[in-house]
Amino acid sequence: QVQLVESGGGLVQPGGSLRLSCAASGSGFSLYAMAWYRQAPGKQRELVAVIGNPGMTNYADSVKGRFTISRDNAKNTVYLQMSSLKPEDTAVYYCKASRLSRDYWGQGTQVTVSS
């Protein structure tokens, strides 16, 4: 069992940067694969980035080269560093922890990219 809380969202201009954090509570954080998803109104939720343990990563083509996912197991936290933000990055961003056959989701944090 793990609980996830995202933070760091907000309003940013195109070309700007934001860093999202996802803090996990519960035991066994290092055993979970962690991922960031996003969902815009009227659109399907899409995978943005995933990180295993130790640190294998994969990214959606739309964010590759602009976003970086990382984790700090000592702090039970996963991060998403976002740069060169575009209006199409606007969405609610969700953190997900996965272990065996179970998925756990955070509440989401809003990212709005607008001039």
Protein backbone atom coordinates (compact mmCIF):
# COMPACT_ATOMS: atom_id res chain seq x y z
CA GLN A 1 0.00 0.00 0.00
CA VAL A 2 1.33 3.41 -0.98
CA GLN A 3 -0.15 6.90 -1.01
CA LEU A 4 1.04 9.49 -3.51
CA VAL A 5 0.85 13.28 -3.38
CA GLU A 6 1.85 15.41 -6.37
CA SER A 7 2.98 19.01 -6.10
CA GLY A 8 4.70 21.69 -8.14
CA GLY A 9 2.09 22.41 -10.77
CA GLY A 10 1.08 25.89 -11.77
CA LEU A 11 0.91 28.46 -14.53
CA VAL A 12 3.93 28.96 -16.76
CA GLN A 13 4.59 30.73 -20.04
CA PRO A 14 5.55 28.82 -23.17
CA GLY A 15 9.24 28.02 -23.10
CA GLY A 16 9.30 28.01 -19.33
CA SER A 17 10.10 25.26 -16.86
CA LEU A 18 8.45 23.48 -13.95
CA ARG A 19 9.47 20.69 -11.65
CA LEU A 20 6.82 18.33 -10.38
CA SER A 21 7.28 16.21 -7.29
CA CYS A 22 5.48 13.09 -6.14
CA ALA A 23 5.94 12.14 -2.51
CA ALA A 24 5.13 8.58 -1.50
CA SER A 25 4.17 7.31 1.92
CA GLY A 26 4.33 3.68 2.90
CA SER A 27 6.96 1.02 2.83
CA GLY A 28 8.79 -0.47 -0.10
CA PHE A 29 9.09 2.61 -2.32
CA SER A 30 12.17 1.27 -4.07
CA LEU A 31 10.20 -1.78 -5.21
CA TYR A 32 7.76 0.30 -7.25
CA ALA A 33 8.08 1.38 -10.83
CA MET A 34 7.07 5.03 -10.97
CA ALA A 35 5.48 6.96 -13.79
CA TRP A 36 3.99 10.29 -14.73
CA TYR A 37 0.80 10.49 -16.76
CA ARG A 38 -1.17 13.48 -17.95
CA GLN A 39 -4.72 14.11 -19.03
CA ALA A 40 -6.21 17.12 -20.75
CA PRO A 41 -9.99 17.72 -20.81
CA GLY A 42 -11.69 15.51 -23.36
CA LYS A 43 -8.54 13.52 -24.02
CA GLN A 44 -7.28 10.13 -22.94
CA ARG A 45 -4.79 9.86 -20.15
CA GLU A 46 -1.36 9.35 -21.64
CA LEU A 47 1.91 8.07 -20.31
CA VAL A 48 4.54 10.80 -20.12
CA ALA A 49 7.52 9.09 -18.51
CA VAL A 50 8.38 6.00 -16.51
CA ILE A 51 11.29 5.08 -14.30
CA GLY A 52 12.20 1.72 -12.83
CA ASN A 53 14.70 0.88 -10.17
CA PRO A 54 17.49 1.64 -10.32
CA GLY A 55 16.88 4.11 -13.11
CA MET A 56 15.79 2.81 -16.47
CA THR A 57 13.63 5.48 -18.08
CA ASN A 58 11.27 5.81 -21.02
CA TYR A 59 9.52 8.87 -22.41
CA ALA A 60 6.66 9.70 -24.69
CA ASP A 61 7.90 11.01 -28.03
CA SER A 62 6.08 14.28 -27.40
CA VAL A 63 8.22 15.09 -24.36
CA LYS A 64 11.50 13.36 -25.14
CA GLY A 65 14.39 15.77 -24.85
CA ARG A 66 12.33 18.24 -22.83
CA PHE A 67 11.25 16.28 -19.74
CA THR A 68 13.37 14.29 -17.31
CA ILE A 69 12.05 11.79 -14.78
CA SER A 70 14.12 10.91 -11.73
CA ARG A 71 13.68 9.34 -8.33
CA ASP A 72 15.24 9.64 -4.91
CA ASN A 73 14.56 6.44 -3.02
CA ALA A 74 15.95 7.88 0.21
CA LYS A 75 13.26 10.57 0.07
CA ASN A 76 10.51 8.36 -1.35
CA THR A 77 10.04 10.91 -4.11
CA VAL A 78 9.85 10.92 -7.89
CA TYR A 79 10.33 14.07 -9.95
CA LEU A 80 9.44 15.33 -13.38
CA GLN A 81 11.61 18.18 -14.61
CA MET A 82 9.85 19.92 -17.48
CA SER A 83 11.49 22.46 -19.74
CA SER A 84 10.68 24.17 -23.03
CA LEU A 85 7.03 23.87 -22.11
CA LYS A 86 4.40 24.17 -24.81
CA PRO A 87 0.68 24.97 -24.60
CA GLU A 88 -0.07 21.36 -25.54
CA ASP A 89 1.62 20.29 -22.31
CA THR A 90 -1.33 21.76 -20.42
CA ALA A 91 -2.97 18.95 -18.45
CA VAL A 92 -3.46 17.44 -15.05
CA TYR A 93 -0.35 15.44 -14.26
CA TYR A 94 -0.68 12.26 -12.24
CA CYS A 95 1.88 10.17 -10.46
CA LYS A 96 1.54 6.40 -10.52
CA ALA A 97 3.27 3.67 -8.56
CA SER A 98 3.18 0.12 -9.86
CA ARG A 99 4.14 -3.11 -8.19
CA LEU A 100 3.23 -6.60 -9.29
CA SER A 101 -0.40 -6.42 -10.44
CA ARG A 102 -1.42 -3.26 -8.56
CA ASP A 103 -1.36 0.41 -9.51
CA TYR A 104 -1.63 3.39 -7.16
CA TRP A 105 -2.46 6.92 -8.27
CA GLY A 106 -1.97 10.37 -6.85
CA GLN A 107 -4.61 13.10 -6.94
CA GLY A 108 -3.00 15.03 -9.77
CA THR A 109 -1.56 18.51 -10.13
CA GLN A 110 -2.57 21.07 -12.75
CA VAL A 111 -0.01 22.36 -15.22
CA THR A 112 -1.10 25.25 -17.43
CA VAL A 113 1.16 26.59 -20.17
CA SER A 114 -0.17 29.85 -21.53
CA SER A 115 0.95 33.31 -22.51
